[in-house]
C-alpha atoms as a PDB file:
ATOM      1  CA  MET A   1      -4.531  14.014  10.879  1.00  0.00           C
ATOM      2  CA  ARG A   2      -3.967  17.729  11.478  1.00  0.00           C
ATOM      3  CA  GLN A   3      -7.634  18.133  12.408  1.00  0.00           C
ATOM      4  CA  ILE A   4      -8.065  14.966  14.463  1.00  0.00           C
ATOM      5  CA  LEU A   5      -4.892  14.827  16.541  1.00  0.00           C
ATOM      6  CA  PRO A   6      -5.215  18.207  18.326  1.00  0.00           C
ATOM      7  CA  LEU A   7      -8.737  17.241  19.419  1.00  0.00           C
ATOM      8  CA  LEU A   8      -7.624  13.829  20.704  1.00  0.00           C
ATOM      9  CA  ILE A   9      -4.623  15.288  22.501  1.00  0.00           C
ATOM     10  CA  GLY A  10      -6.740  17.994  24.098  1.00  0.00           C
ATOM     11  CA  ARG A  11      -9.351  15.510  25.382  1.00  0.00           C
ATOM     12  CA  ALA A  12      -6.661  13.177  26.718  1.00  0.00           C
ATOM     13  CA  ARG A  13      -4.955  15.994  28.609  1.00  0.00           C
ATOM     14  CA  GLU A  14      -8.258  17.130  30.061  1.00  0.00           C
ATOM     15  CA  ALA A  15      -8.604  13.623  31.463  1.00  0.00           C
ATOM     16  CA  GLY A  16      -5.165  13.902  33.076  1.00  0.00           C
ATOM     17  CA  ALA A  17      -3.341  11.589  30.686  1.00  0.00           C
ATOM     18  CA  ARG A  18       0.267  11.793  29.531  1.00  0.00           C
ATOM     19  CA  VAL A  19       0.172  11.696  25.736  1.00  0.00           C
ATOM     20  CA  ALA A  20       2.642  10.400  23.145  1.00  0.00           C
ATOM     21  CA  VAL A  21       2.328  10.072  19.369  1.00  0.00           C
ATOM     22  CA  VAL A  22       3.953   7.180  17.518  1.00  0.00           C
ATOM     23  CA  ILE A  23       4.109   7.583  13.735  1.00  0.00           C
ATOM     24  CA  GLY A  24       3.627   4.174  12.133  1.00  0.00           C
ATOM     25  CA  CYS A  25       6.448   4.149   9.610  1.00  0.00           C
ATOM     26  CA  GLY A  26       6.717   0.368   9.401  1.00  0.00           C
ATOM     27  CA  LYS A  27      10.081  -0.200   7.716  1.00  0.00           C
ATOM     28  CA  VAL A  28      10.127   3.115   5.876  1.00  0.00           C
ATOM     29  CA  PRO A  29      12.935   5.291   7.303  1.00  0.00           C
ATOM     30  CA  ALA A  30      11.988   7.488  10.260  1.00  0.00           C
ATOM     31  CA  LEU A  31      10.676  10.920   9.295  1.00  0.00           C
ATOM     32  CA  SER A  32      12.730  14.092   9.610  1.00  0.00           C
ATOM     33  CA  GLU A  33      11.534  16.937  11.813  1.00  0.00           C
ATOM     34  CA  ALA A  34      10.214  18.742   8.739  1.00  0.00           C
ATOM     35  CA  GLU A  35       8.362  15.638   7.538  1.00  0.00           C
ATOM     36  CA  MET A  36       6.829  15.106  10.970  1.00  0.00           C
ATOM     37  CA  ALA A  37       5.660  18.732  11.035  1.00  0.00           C
ATOM     38  CA  GLU A  38       4.118  18.283   7.584  1.00  0.00           C
ATOM     39  CA  LYS A  39       2.301  15.147   8.693  1.00  0.00           C
ATOM     40  CA  LEU A  40       1.136  16.190  12.155  1.00  0.00           C
ATOM     41  CA  GLY A  41       0.866  19.976  11.836  1.00  0.00           C
ATOM     42  CA  ASP A  42       2.542  22.810  13.754  1.00  0.00           C
ATOM     43  CA  GLU A  43      -0.043  22.726  16.551  1.00  0.00           C
ATOM     44  CA  VAL A  44       0.894  19.186  17.534  1.00  0.00           C
ATOM     45  CA  MET A  45       4.623  19.807  17.120  1.00  0.00           C
ATOM     46  CA  ARG A  46       4.413  22.849  19.442  1.00  0.00           C
ATOM     47  CA  SER A  47       2.187  21.112  21.994  1.00  0.00           C
ATOM     48  CA  GLY A  48       5.007  19.488  23.961  1.00  0.00           C
ATOM     49  CA  VAL A  49       3.678  16.009  23.171  1.00  0.00           C
ATOM     50  CA  ALA A  50       6.439  13.453  22.658  1.00  0.00           C
ATOM     51  CA  VAL A  51       6.542  12.261  19.036  1.00  0.00           C
ATOM     52  CA  TYR A  52       8.227   9.011  18.016  1.00  0.00           C
ATOM     53  CA  CYS A  53       8.707   7.264  14.679  1.00  0.00           C
ATOM     54  CA  ASN A  54       8.766   3.517  14.227  1.00  0.00           C
ATOM     55  CA  ASP A  55      12.420   2.754  13.513  1.00  0.00           C
ATOM     56  CA  VAL A  56      13.222  -0.924  12.969  1.00  0.00           C
ATOM     57  CA  SER A  57      16.963  -0.188  13.073  1.00  0.00           C
ATOM     58  CA  LYS A  58      16.641   0.146  16.879  1.00  0.00           C
ATOM     59  CA  PRO A  59      15.547  -3.298  18.163  1.00  0.00           C
ATOM     60  CA  ASP A  60      15.785  -2.215  21.801  1.00  0.00           C
ATOM     61  CA  ASN A  61      12.740   0.013  21.193  1.00  0.00           C
ATOM     62  CA  TYR A  62      10.452  -3.051  20.983  1.00  0.00           C
ATOM     63  CA  VAL A  63       8.692  -5.317  23.480  1.00  0.00           C
ATOM     64  CA  PHE A  64       7.904  -8.967  22.724  1.00  0.00           C
ATOM     65  CA  CYS A  65       4.151  -9.563  23.061  1.00  0.00           C
ATOM     66  CA  GLY A  66       3.689 -13.185  21.976  1.00  0.00           C
ATOM     67  CA  ILE A  67       3.060 -15.114  18.758  1.00  0.00           C
ATOM     68  CA  THR A  68      -0.021 -14.934  16.551  1.00  0.00           C
ATOM     69  CA  SER A  69      -1.942 -18.049  15.544  1.00  0.00           C
ATOM     70  CA  ALA A  70      -0.298 -17.769  12.107  1.00  0.00           C
ATOM     71  CA  GLY A  71       3.141 -17.999  13.725  1.00  0.00           C
ATOM     72  CA  THR A  72       4.155 -14.335  13.611  1.00  0.00           C
ATOM     73  CA  PRO A  73       6.165 -13.234  16.675  1.00  0.00           C
ATOM     74  CA  LEU A  74       4.999  -9.768  17.673  1.00  0.00           C
ATOM     75  CA  TRP A  75       7.579  -7.211  18.708  1.00  0.00           C
ATOM     76  CA  LEU A  76       5.736  -3.972  19.443  1.00  0.00           C
ATOM     77  CA  HIS A  77       7.099  -0.433  19.803  1.00  0.00           C
ATOM     78  CA  ARG A  78       7.723   0.152  23.504  1.00  0.00           C
ATOM     79  CA  GLN A  79       5.708   3.378  23.651  1.00  0.00           C
ATOM     80  CA  VAL A  80       2.674   1.493  22.335  1.00  0.00           C
ATOM     81  CA  ALA A  81       3.216  -1.661  24.379  1.00  0.00           C
ATOM     82  CA  GLU A  82       3.470   0.271  27.644  1.00  0.00           C
ATOM     83  CA  ALA A  83       0.517   2.602  27.024  1.00  0.00           C
ATOM     84  CA  ASP A  84      -2.681   2.225  29.069  1.00  0.00           C
ATOM     85  CA  VAL A  85      -4.861   3.515  26.218  1.00  0.00           C
ATOM     86  CA  ILE A  86      -4.043   3.101  22.512  1.00  0.00           C
ATOM     87  CA  LEU A  87      -5.880   5.037  19.809  1.00  0.00           C
ATOM     88  CA  THR A  88      -5.148   4.561  16.103  1.00  0.00           C
ATOM     89  CA  VAL A  89      -5.917   6.913  13.213  1.00  0.00           C
ATOM     90  CA  SER A  90      -5.730   5.418   9.731  1.00  0.00           C
ATOM     91  CA  THR A  91      -6.992   5.644   6.162  1.00  0.00           C
ATOM     92  CA  THR A  92      -9.011   2.787   4.654  1.00  0.00           C
ATOM     93  CA  GLN A  93      -8.365   1.994   0.982  1.00  0.00           C
ATOM     94  CA  ALA A  94      -7.867  -1.032  -1.224  1.00  0.00           C
ATOM     95  CA  THR A  95      -4.302  -2.347  -1.233  1.00  0.00           C
ATOM     96  CA  LEU A  96      -2.429  -5.182  -2.930  1.00  0.00           C
ATOM     97  CA  TRP A  97      -3.132  -7.467   0.040  1.00  0.00           C
ATOM     98  CA  GLY A  98      -6.597  -6.480   1.233  1.00  0.00           C
ATOM     99  CA  TYR A  99      -7.303  -3.054   2.687  1.00  0.00           C
ATOM    100  CA  GLY A 100      -5.171  -0.362   4.271  1.00  0.00           C
ATOM    101  CA  GLY A 101      -5.944   0.735   7.802  1.00  0.00           C
ATOM    102  CA  SER A 102      -5.704  -2.795   9.179  1.00  0.00           C
ATOM    103  CA  GLY A 103      -1.942  -2.470   9.603  1.00  0.00           C
ATOM    104  CA  MET A 104      -1.767  -0.063  12.525  1.00  0.00           C
ATOM    105  CA  VAL A 105       0.254  -2.624  14.512  1.00  0.00           C
ATOM    106  CA  ILE A 106       1.794  -4.694  11.682  1.00  0.00           C
ATOM    107  CA  PRO A 107       3.632  -3.082   9.970  1.00  0.00           C
ATOM    108  CA  ALA A 108       3.060   0.391  11.455  1.00  0.00           C
ATOM    109  CA  VAL A 109       4.599   0.032  14.926  1.00  0.00           C
ATOM    110  CA  ALA A 110       6.158  -3.438  14.792  1.00  0.00           C
ATOM    111  CA  GLY A 111       9.762  -4.612  14.746  1.00  0.00           C
ATOM    112  CA  ASN A 112      11.705  -5.740  11.709  1.00  0.00           C
ATOM    113  CA  GLU A 113      11.295  -9.489  12.257  1.00  0.00           C
ATOM    114  CA  THR A 114       7.558  -9.170  12.840  1.00  0.00           C
ATOM    115  CA  ILE A 115       7.054  -7.246   9.610  1.00  0.00           C
ATOM    116  CA  GLU A 116       9.105  -9.632   7.494  1.00  0.00           C
ATOM    117  CA  ILE A 117       7.416 -12.772   8.818  1.00  0.00           C
ATOM    118  CA  ASN A 118       3.923 -11.318   8.393  1.00  0.00           C
ATOM    119  CA  HIS A 119       4.734 -10.123   4.884  1.00  0.00           C
ATOM    120  CA  VAL A 120       5.653 -13.624   3.718  1.00  0.00           C
ATOM    121  CA  MET A 121       1.876 -14.124   3.629  1.00  0.00           C
ATOM    122  CA  SER A 122       1.656 -11.566   0.820  1.00  0.00           C
ATOM    123  CA  LEU A 123       2.877 -14.316  -1.515  1.00  0.00           C
ATOM    124  CA  ALA A 124      -0.293 -16.378  -0.999  1.00  0.00           C
ATOM    125  CA  PRO A 125      -2.577 -16.558  -4.068  1.00  0.00           C
ATOM    126  CA  ASP A 126      -5.562 -15.197  -2.116  1.00  0.00           C
ATOM    127  CA  CYS A 127      -3.647 -12.120  -0.967  1.00  0.00           C
ATOM    128  CA  VAL A 128      -5.140  -9.800  -3.580  1.00  0.00           C
ATOM    129  CA  PRO A 129      -6.850  -6.392  -3.725  1.00  0.00           C
ATOM    130  CA  GLY A 130     -10.260  -6.446  -2.116  1.00  0.00           C
ATOM    131  CA  ASN A 131      -9.869  -9.702  -0.146  1.00  0.00           C
ATOM    132  CA  ASN A 132     -10.210  -8.662   3.486  1.00  0.00           C
ATOM    133  CA  ASP A 133     -10.070 -12.300   4.631  1.00  0.00           C
ATOM    134  CA  CYS A 134      -6.625 -13.267   3.363  1.00  0.00           C
ATOM    135  CA  ARG A 135      -4.245 -14.706   5.965  1.00  0.00           C
ATOM    136  CA  MET A 136      -2.012 -11.619   5.943  1.00  0.00           C
ATOM    137  CA  GLN A 137      -4.953  -9.356   6.741  1.00  0.00           C
ATOM    138  CA  LEU A 138      -6.278 -11.637   9.494  1.00  0.00           C
ATOM    139  CA  ASP A 139      -2.800 -11.771  11.042  1.00  0.00           C
ATOM    140  CA  LYS A 140      -2.795  -7.970  11.221  1.00  0.00           C
ATOM    141  CA  TYR A 141      -6.166  -8.002  12.943  1.00  0.00           C
ATOM    142  CA  GLU A 142      -4.938 -10.536  15.493  1.00  0.00           C
ATOM    143  CA  ALA A 143      -1.803  -8.484  16.199  1.00  0.00           C
ATOM    144  CA  ALA A 144      -3.984  -5.427  16.830  1.00  0.00           C
ATOM    145  CA  GLU A 145      -6.022  -7.404  19.352  1.00  0.00           C
ATOM    146  CA  MET A 146      -2.852  -8.684  21.049  1.00  0.00           C
ATOM    147  CA  ALA A 147      -1.584  -5.098  21.319  1.00  0.00           C
ATOM    148  CA  GLY A 148      -4.793  -4.084  23.101  1.00  0.00           C
ATOM    149  CA  ILE A 149      -5.853  -1.198  20.878  1.00  0.00           C
ATOM    150  CA  SER A 150      -8.556   0.728  22.734  1.00  0.00           C
ATOM    151  CA  MET A 151     -10.179   2.359  19.712  1.00  0.00           C
ATOM    152  CA  GLY A 152      -9.598   2.550  15.973  1.00  0.00           C
ATOM    153  CA  ILE A 153     -10.467   5.725  14.057  1.00  0.00           C
ATOM    154  CA  ASN A 154     -10.864   5.107  10.311  1.00  0.00           C
ATOM    155  CA  LEU A 155     -11.004   7.684   7.523  1.00  0.00           C
ATOM    156  CA  ILE A 156     -11.823   7.366   3.837  1.00  0.00           C
ATOM    157  CA  VAL A 157     -10.521  10.039   1.478  1.00  0.00           C
ATOM    158  CA  ASN A 158     -11.533  10.683  -2.118  1.00  0.00           C
ATOM    159  CA  ASN A 159      -9.310  11.232  -5.152  1.00  0.00           C
ATOM    160  CA  ARG A 160      -8.834  14.877  -4.151  1.00  0.00           C
ATOM    161  CA  PHE A 161      -7.678  13.809  -0.669  1.00  0.00           C
ATOM    162  CA  GLU A 162     -10.843  15.144   0.959  1.00  0.00           C
ATOM    163  CA  VAL A 163     -12.147  13.181   3.952  1.00  0.00           C
ATOM    164  CA  THR A 164     -15.500  11.664   2.996  1.00  0.00           C
ATOM    165  CA  TYR A 165     -16.069   9.296   5.926  1.00  0.00           C
ATOM    166  CA  VAL A 166     -14.964   8.833   9.541  1.00  0.00           C
ATOM    167  CA  ASN A 167     -15.828   6.176  12.080  1.00  0.00           C
ATOM    168  CA  ALA A 168     -14.499   5.025  15.445  1.00  0.00           C
ATOM    169  CA  GLY A 169     -14.899   1.929  17.587  1.00  0.00           C
ATOM    170  CA  GLU A 170     -13.443  -1.440  18.448  1.00  0.00           C
ATOM    171  CA  PHE A 171     -10.483  -1.757  16.082  1.00  0.00           C
ATOM    172  CA  VAL A 172     -11.442  -4.764  13.934  1.00  0.00           C
ATOM    173  CA  THR A 173     -15.186  -4.045  13.880  1.00  0.00           C
ATOM    174  CA  ALA A 174     -14.699  -0.384  12.955  1.00  0.00           C
ATOM    175  CA  HIS A 175     -12.190  -1.207  10.220  1.00  0.00           C
ATOM    176  CA  LYS A 176     -14.493  -3.807   8.667  1.00  0.00           C
ATOM    177  CA  GLU A 177     -17.295  -1.243   8.640  1.00  0.00           C
ATOM    178  CA  ALA A 178     -14.981   1.273   6.924  1.00  0.00           C
ATOM    179  CA  VAL A 179     -14.175  -1.399   4.318  1.00  0.00           C
ATOM    180  CA  ARG A 180     -17.899  -1.934   3.713  1.00  0.00           C
ATOM    181  CA  VAL A 181     -18.410   1.795   3.156  1.00  0.00           C
ATOM    182  CA  TYR A 182     -15.300   2.045   0.954  1.00  0.00           C
ATOM    183  CA  ASP A 183     -16.601  -0.757  -1.270  1.00  0.00           C
ATOM    184  CA  GLN A 184     -19.837   1.143  -1.891  1.00  0.00           C
ATOM    185  CA  THR A 185     -17.826   3.717  -3.870  1.00  0.00           C
ATOM    186  CA  TYR A 186     -14.706   1.957  -5.139  1.00  0.00           C
ATOM    187  CA  ARG A 187     -15.777  -1.656  -5.743  1.00  0.00           C
ATOM    188  CA  PHE A 188     -17.345  -2.354  -9.119  1.00  0.00           C
ATOM    189  CA  ALA A 189     -19.241  -5.289 -10.585  1.00  0.00           C
ATOM    190  CA  ALA A 190     -17.322  -6.148 -13.762  1.00  0.00           C
ATOM    191  CA  GLY A 191     -19.120  -9.337 -14.701  1.00  0.00           C
ATOM    192  CA  VAL A 192     -19.346  -8.132 -18.297  1.00  0.00           C
ATOM    193  CA  PHE A 193     -15.677  -9.171 -18.569  1.00  0.00           C
ATOM    194  CA  ARG A 194     -16.165 -12.667 -17.123  1.00  0.00           C
ATOM    195  CA  GLU A 195     -16.474 -14.451 -20.469  1.00  0.00           C
ATOM    196  CA  GLU A 196     -14.669 -11.993 -22.710  1.00  0.00           C
ATOM    197  CA  LYS A 197     -11.890 -10.047 -21.060  1.00  0.00           C
ATOM    198  CA  ALA A 198     -10.357  -6.833 -22.388  1.00  0.00           C
ATOM    199  CA  ASP A 199      -7.385  -6.916 -24.745  1.00  0.00           C
ATOM    200  CA  ILE A 200      -6.335  -3.450 -23.587  1.00  0.00           C
ATOM    201  CA  VAL A 201      -7.001  -1.566 -20.349  1.00  0.00           C
ATOM    202  CA  ILE A 202      -6.320   2.170 -20.146  1.00  0.00           C
ATOM    203  CA  ALA A 203      -5.752   3.231 -16.547  1.00  0.00           C
ATOM    204  CA  GLY A 204      -4.536   6.190 -14.545  1.00  0.00           C
ATOM    205  CA  SER A 205      -3.544   7.326 -11.057  1.00  0.00           C
ATOM    206  CA  SER A 206      -5.050  10.270  -9.208  1.00  0.00           C
ATOM    207  CA  ALA A 207      -3.023  13.303  -8.255  1.00  0.00           C
ATOM    208  CA  PRO A 208      -2.754  12.952  -4.442  1.00  0.00           C
ATOM    209  CA  THR A 209      -1.000   9.584  -4.690  1.00  0.00           C
ATOM    210  CA  ASP A 210       0.978   9.928  -7.906  1.00  0.00           C
ATOM    211  CA  HIS A 211       4.417  10.607  -6.407  1.00  0.00           C
ATOM    212  CA  LEU A 212       6.116   7.206  -6.737  1.00  0.00           C
ATOM    213  CA  PHE A 213       5.523   4.338  -9.145  1.00  0.00           C
ATOM    214  CA  PHE A 214       6.144   2.098  -6.128  1.00  0.00           C
ATOM    215  CA  HIS A 215       2.660   3.182  -4.988  1.00  0.00           C
ATOM    216  CA  THR A 216       0.826   4.111  -8.190  1.00  0.00           C
ATOM    217  CA  GLY A 217       1.900   0.820  -9.800  1.00  0.00           C
ATOM    218  CA  TRP A 218      -0.728  -0.940  -7.658  1.00  0.00           C
ATOM    219  CA  ALA A 219      -3.178   0.109 -10.365  1.00  0.00           C
ATOM    220  CA  ILE A 220      -1.551  -2.416 -12.683  1.00  0.00           C
ATOM    221  CA  VAL A 221      -2.519  -5.254 -10.345  1.00  0.00           C
ATOM    222  CA  ASN A 222      -6.052  -3.911  -9.842  1.00  0.00           C
ATOM    223  CA  CYS A 223      -6.720  -4.191 -13.595  1.00  0.00           C
ATOM    224  CA  LEU A 224      -5.888  -7.902 -13.835  1.00  0.00           C
ATOM    225  CA  PRO A 225      -9.414  -9.286 -13.198  1.00  0.00           C
ATOM    226  CA  ILE A 226     -10.741  -7.744 -16.432  1.00  0.00           C
ATOM    227  CA  LEU A 227      -7.625  -8.206 -18.606  1.00  0.00           C
ATOM    228  CA  LYS A 228      -7.056 -11.270 -20.747  1.00  0.00           C
ATOM    229  CA  GLU A 229      -3.859 -13.299 -20.467  1.00  0.00           C
ATOM    230  CA  GLY A 230      -1.284 -11.616 -22.693  1.00  0.00           C
ATOM    231  CA  GLY A 231      -3.237  -8.361 -22.753  1.00  0.00           C
ATOM    232  CA  THR A 232      -1.853  -4.844 -22.428  1.00  0.00           C
ATOM    233  CA  VAL A 233      -2.334  -2.089 -19.852  1.00  0.00           C
ATOM    234  CA  VAL A 234      -1.637   1.498 -20.902  1.00  0.00           C
ATOM    235  CA  PHE A 235      -1.016   3.178 -17.551  1.00  0.00           C
ATOM    236  CA  THR A 236      -0.517   6.934 -17.179  1.00  0.00           C
ATOM    237  CA  THR A 237       1.241   7.956 -13.967  1.00  0.00           C
ATOM    238  CA  PRO A 238       3.347  11.136 -13.632  1.00  0.00           C
ATOM    239  CA  CYS A 239       5.511   9.999 -10.664  1.00  0.00           C
ATOM    240  CA  PRO A 240       7.228  13.341  -9.922  1.00  0.00           C
ATOM    241  CA  GLY A 241       9.053  11.823  -6.952  1.00  0.00           C
ATOM    242  CA  TYR A 242       8.768  12.423  -3.224  1.00  0.00           C
ATOM    243  CA  GLY A 243      11.351  14.519  -1.406  1.00  0.00           C
ATOM    244  CA  SER A 244      14.758  13.227  -2.460  1.00  0.00           C
ATOM    245  CA  TRP A 245      13.243  10.034  -3.917  1.00  0.00           C
ATOM    246  CA  PRO A 246      12.906   9.978  -7.735  1.00  0.00           C
ATOM    247  CA  GLY A 247       9.681   8.777  -9.353  1.00  0.00           C
ATOM    248  CA  PHE A 248      10.817   5.157  -9.807  1.00  0.00           C
ATOM    249  CA  ALA A 249      12.562   4.844  -6.439  1.00  0.00           C
ATOM    250  CA  LEU A 250      12.791   1.258  -5.087  1.00  0.00           C
ATOM    251  CA  MET A 251      11.825  -0.252  -8.446  1.00  0.00           C
ATOM    252  CA  ASP A 252      15.514  -1.012  -9.037  1.00  0.00           C
ATOM    253  CA  LEU A 253      14.830  -3.999  -6.762  1.00  0.00           C
ATOM    254  CA  VAL A 254      13.143  -5.746  -9.684  1.00  0.00           C
ATOM    255  CA  ARG A 255      15.928  -5.219 -12.231  1.00  0.00           C
ATOM    256  CA  GLU A 256      17.737  -8.494 -11.476  1.00  0.00           C
ATOM    257  CA  PHE A 257      14.574 -10.471 -12.290  1.00  0.00           C
ATOM    258  CA  MET A 258      13.702  -8.820 -15.582  1.00  0.00           C
ATOM    259  CA  PRO A 259      12.348  -9.695 -18.055  1.00  0.00           C
ATOM    260  CA  PRO A 260       9.443 -11.402 -16.284  1.00  0.00           C
ATOM    261  CA  THR A 261       9.804 -15.115 -17.069  1.00  0.00           C
ATOM    262  CA  PRO A 262       9.033 -18.291 -15.092  1.00  0.00           C
ATOM    263  CA  GLU A 263      12.766 -18.795 -14.532  1.00  0.00           C
ATOM    264  CA  ASN A 264      13.301 -15.242 -13.252  1.00  0.00           C
ATOM    265  CA  ASN A 265      10.166 -15.550 -11.125  1.00  0.00           C
ATOM    266  CA  GLU A 266      11.781 -18.473  -9.288  1.00  0.00           C
ATOM    267  CA  LYS A 267      14.892 -16.356  -8.740  1.00  0.00           C
ATOM    268  CA  ALA A 268      12.754 -13.607  -7.231  1.00  0.00           C
ATOM    269  CA  LEU A 269      11.051 -16.013  -4.836  1.00  0.00           C
ATOM    270  CA  ARG A 270      14.369 -17.463  -3.704  1.00  0.00           C
ATOM    271  CA  ALA A 271      15.649 -13.947  -3.070  1.00  0.00           C
ATOM    272  CA  PHE A 272      13.009 -13.439  -0.382  1.00  0.00           C
ATOM    273  CA  TYR A 273      14.146 -16.524   1.477  1.00  0.00           C
ATOM    274  CA  ASP A 274      17.900 -15.979   1.263  1.00  0.00           C
ATOM    275  CA  HIS A 275      17.258 -12.394   2.471  1.00  0.00           C
ATOM    276  CA  SER A 276      18.897 -10.757  -0.519  1.00  0.00           C
ATOM    277  CA  ARG A 277      15.488  -9.055  -0.885  1.00  0.00           C
ATOM    278  CA  GLU A 278      13.154  -7.983   1.903  1.00  0.00           C
ATOM    279  CA  LEU A 279       9.404  -8.518   1.842  1.00  0.00           C
ATOM    280  CA  TRP A 280       8.509  -5.123   3.305  1.00  0.00           C
ATOM    281  CA  ALA A 281       9.172  -3.774  -0.203  1.00  0.00           C
ATOM    282  CA  GLY A 282       8.701  -7.084  -2.017  1.00  0.00           C
ATOM    283  CA  CYS A 283       5.052  -7.269  -1.001  1.00  0.00           C
ATOM    284  CA  ILE A 284       4.620  -4.335  -3.409  1.00  0.00           C
ATOM    285  CA  TRP A 285       7.108  -4.741  -6.256  1.00  0.00           C
ATOM    286  CA  TYR A 286       6.590  -8.498  -6.475  1.00  0.00           C
ATOM    287  CA  LYS A 287       2.826  -8.043  -6.962  1.00  0.00           C
ATOM    288  CA  ILE A 288       3.603  -5.728  -9.890  1.00  0.00           C
ATOM    289  CA  TYR A 289       6.144  -8.234 -11.201  1.00  0.00           C
ATOM    290  CA  GLN A 290       3.576 -11.052 -11.016  1.00  0.00           C
ATOM    291  CA  ALA A 291       1.183  -8.922 -13.055  1.00  0.00           C
ATOM    292  CA  MET A 292       3.887  -8.454 -15.674  1.00  0.00           C
ATOM    293  CA  LEU A 293       4.189 -12.233 -15.979  1.00  0.00           C
ATOM    294  CA  ARG A 294       0.602 -12.234 -17.281  1.00  0.00           C
ATOM    295  CA  ALA A 295       0.432  -9.097 -19.412  1.00  0.00           C
ATOM    296  CA  ASP A 296       2.342  -6.246 -21.048  1.00  0.00           C
ATOM    297  CA  TYR A 297       2.467  -2.819 -19.420  1.00  0.00           C
ATOM    298  CA  PHE A 298       3.046   0.412 -21.311  1.00  0.00           C
ATOM    299  CA  ILE A 299       3.749   3.065 -18.677  1.00  0.00           C
ATOM    300  CA  VAL A 300       3.318   6.743 -19.570  1.00  0.00           C
ATOM    301  CA  THR A 301       5.260   8.976 -17.191  1.00  0.00           C
ATOM    302  CA  ARG A 302       7.316  12.150 -16.946  1.00  0.00           C
ATOM    303  CA  PRO A 303      10.396  12.450 -19.192  1.00  0.00           C
ATOM    304  CA  GLU A 304      12.878  12.361 -16.307  1.00  0.00           C
ATOM    305  CA  ASN A 305      11.640   8.882 -15.362  1.00  0.00           C
ATOM    306  CA  LEU A 306      12.240   7.308 -18.768  1.00  0.00           C
ATOM    307  CA  ALA A 307      15.942   6.464 -18.451  1.00  0.00           C
ATOM    308  CA  PRO A 308      15.846   4.821 -14.990  1.00  0.00           C
ATOM    309  CA  ALA A 309      12.595   2.988 -15.753  1.00  0.00           C
ATOM    310  CA  ARG A 310      14.055   1.541 -18.941  1.00  0.00           C
ATOM    311  CA  GLU A 311      17.214   0.605 -17.077  1.00  0.00           C
ATOM    312  CA  TYR A 312      15.060  -1.378 -14.627  1.00  0.00           C
ATOM    313  CA  GLY A 313      13.365  -3.162 -17.538  1.00  0.00           C
ATOM    314  CA  PHE A 314      10.032  -1.322 -17.903  1.00  0.00           C
ATOM    315  CA  THR A 315       8.412  -0.227 -21.172  1.00  0.00           C
ATOM    316  CA  VAL A 316       7.837   3.513 -20.754  1.00  0.00           C
ATOM    317  CA  TYR A 317       6.677   6.502 -22.793  1.00  0.00           C
ATOM    318  CA  ASP A 318       6.229  10.211 -22.201  1.00  0.00           C
ATOM    319  CA  ASP A 319       3.360  10.402 -24.718  1.00  0.00           C
ATOM    320  CA  VAL A 320       0.073   8.559 -24.171  1.00  0.00           C
ATOM    321  CA  SER A 321      -0.696   8.664 -27.894  1.00  0.00           C
ATOM    322  CA  ALA A 322       2.469   6.726 -28.690  1.00  0.00           C
ATOM    323  CA  ALA A 323       1.693   4.141 -26.020  1.00  0.00           C
ATOM    324  CA  TYR A 324      -1.852   3.680 -27.257  1.00  0.00           C
ATOM    325  CA  ARG A 325      -0.683   3.427 -30.872  1.00  0.00           C
ATOM    326  CA  ASP A 326       1.587   0.507 -29.934  1.00  0.00           C
ATOM    327  CA  ALA A 327      -1.122  -1.374 -27.976  1.00  0.00           C
ATOM    328  CA  PRO A 328      -3.614  -1.863 -30.875  1.00  0.00           C
ATOM    329  CA  ALA A 329      -0.702  -2.690 -33.134  1.00  0.00           C
ATOM    330  CA  LYS A 330      -0.255  -5.795 -30.993  1.00  0.00           C
ATOM    331  CA  HIS A 331      -3.934  -6.739 -30.581  1.00  0.00           C
ATOM    332  CA  GLY A 332      -5.417  -5.593 -33.896  1.00  0.00           C
ATOM    333  CA  SER A 333      -8.085  -3.071 -34.838  1.00  0.00           C
ATOM    334  CA  GLY A 334     -10.856  -5.148 -33.211  1.00  0.00           C
ATOM    335  CA  ALA A 335      -9.257  -5.080 -29.773  1.00  0.00           C
ATOM    336  CA  ARG A 336     -11.628  -4.809 -26.815  1.00  0.00           C
ATOM    337  CA  VAL A 337     -10.668  -1.781 -24.733  1.00  0.00           C
ATOM    338  CA  ALA A 338     -11.633  -0.974 -21.112  1.00  0.00           C
ATOM    339  CA  PHE A 339     -11.088   2.281 -19.200  1.00  0.00           C
ATOM    340  CA  VAL A 340     -10.347   2.333 -15.452  1.00  0.00           C
ATOM    341  CA  PRO A 341      -9.753   6.022 -14.639  1.00  0.00           C
ATOM    342  CA  TYR A 342      -8.928   5.639 -10.927  1.00  0.00           C
ATOM    343  CA  ALA A 343      -7.352   2.193 -11.020  1.00  0.00           C
ATOM    344  CA  ARG A 344      -5.146   2.861  -7.996  1.00  0.00           C
ATOM    345  CA  TYR A 345      -8.184   2.678  -5.684  1.00  0.00           C
ATOM    346  CA  SER A 346     -10.611   0.457  -7.610  1.00  0.00           C
ATOM    347  CA  VAL A 347     -11.581  -3.161  -6.905  1.00  0.00           C
ATOM    348  CA  LEU A 348     -13.029  -4.997  -9.915  1.00  0.00           C
ATOM    349  CA  ASP A 349     -15.205  -8.074  -9.378  1.00  0.00           C
ATOM    350  CA  VAL A 350     -15.743 -10.469 -12.283  1.00  0.00           C
END
């Protein structure tokens, strides 16, 4: 972002345009000045360009743009809706509901109601990692077309956060091409597990995205295609926290529905519809919860995370050897073990 934005701003000004930057926070709280400077860089912050954050607590900031074919009413950030030219810059990676980078309108710069209604689609059985054609993903594409995005710029970064690929073009077409390129590196044929799935999967999260279990925990879901029902994932994830947020921030939302049982699963689903839980966060924690209905998860993390994680109902360790000792004790000495080193990004096809 720090390298791309100054170039885009400079070219736009040369053409005589008035430029604004809207940070697509979705329903995450608006960034502080320091956080914006970290994200955009000092050059942009000193350029005089107006910088806005999506802030769903201010409904007057949004313009109604119509209803998608899936029934999602689109309220769009006013600065985006009133722009003559809209450029997006995003990162493409596998997510719990398809691929990131598609959501530069929903949820990035959309209003609260739009985000919640779209995110109901995350509950659909086909809304899984690596399925770019699920209804939630297609709804995001349609919202981007309704918004009139002029060009989408898509980046892929590796596990060291180095940019390995960039493209630009018509928003949907360019994003689909970025997905195709992403899959060449991070999508794996795992047909060897089709008939005989693993008893135990050992997985990890890479350093650039290991701040919060709320994000690293996606790896748990990514391992499901190769794991047998009732299997165990040993998942190592430091989760040092982000800013003032501790490593297991937001995972307290799941505490009321633990342990994972069919009865508690029904309670969780009802909570989305009586609005005691919101789907902007539920589209993440509920996917992890669903995975825990099928298998056991032994989470290895930093010592300071142990007490809150246990309070929320998770099985946690600060020693990978202890976690791995307990997994074979359940499955026996002949357990079939699989390793998925970068499970946070990987898509496994069986």
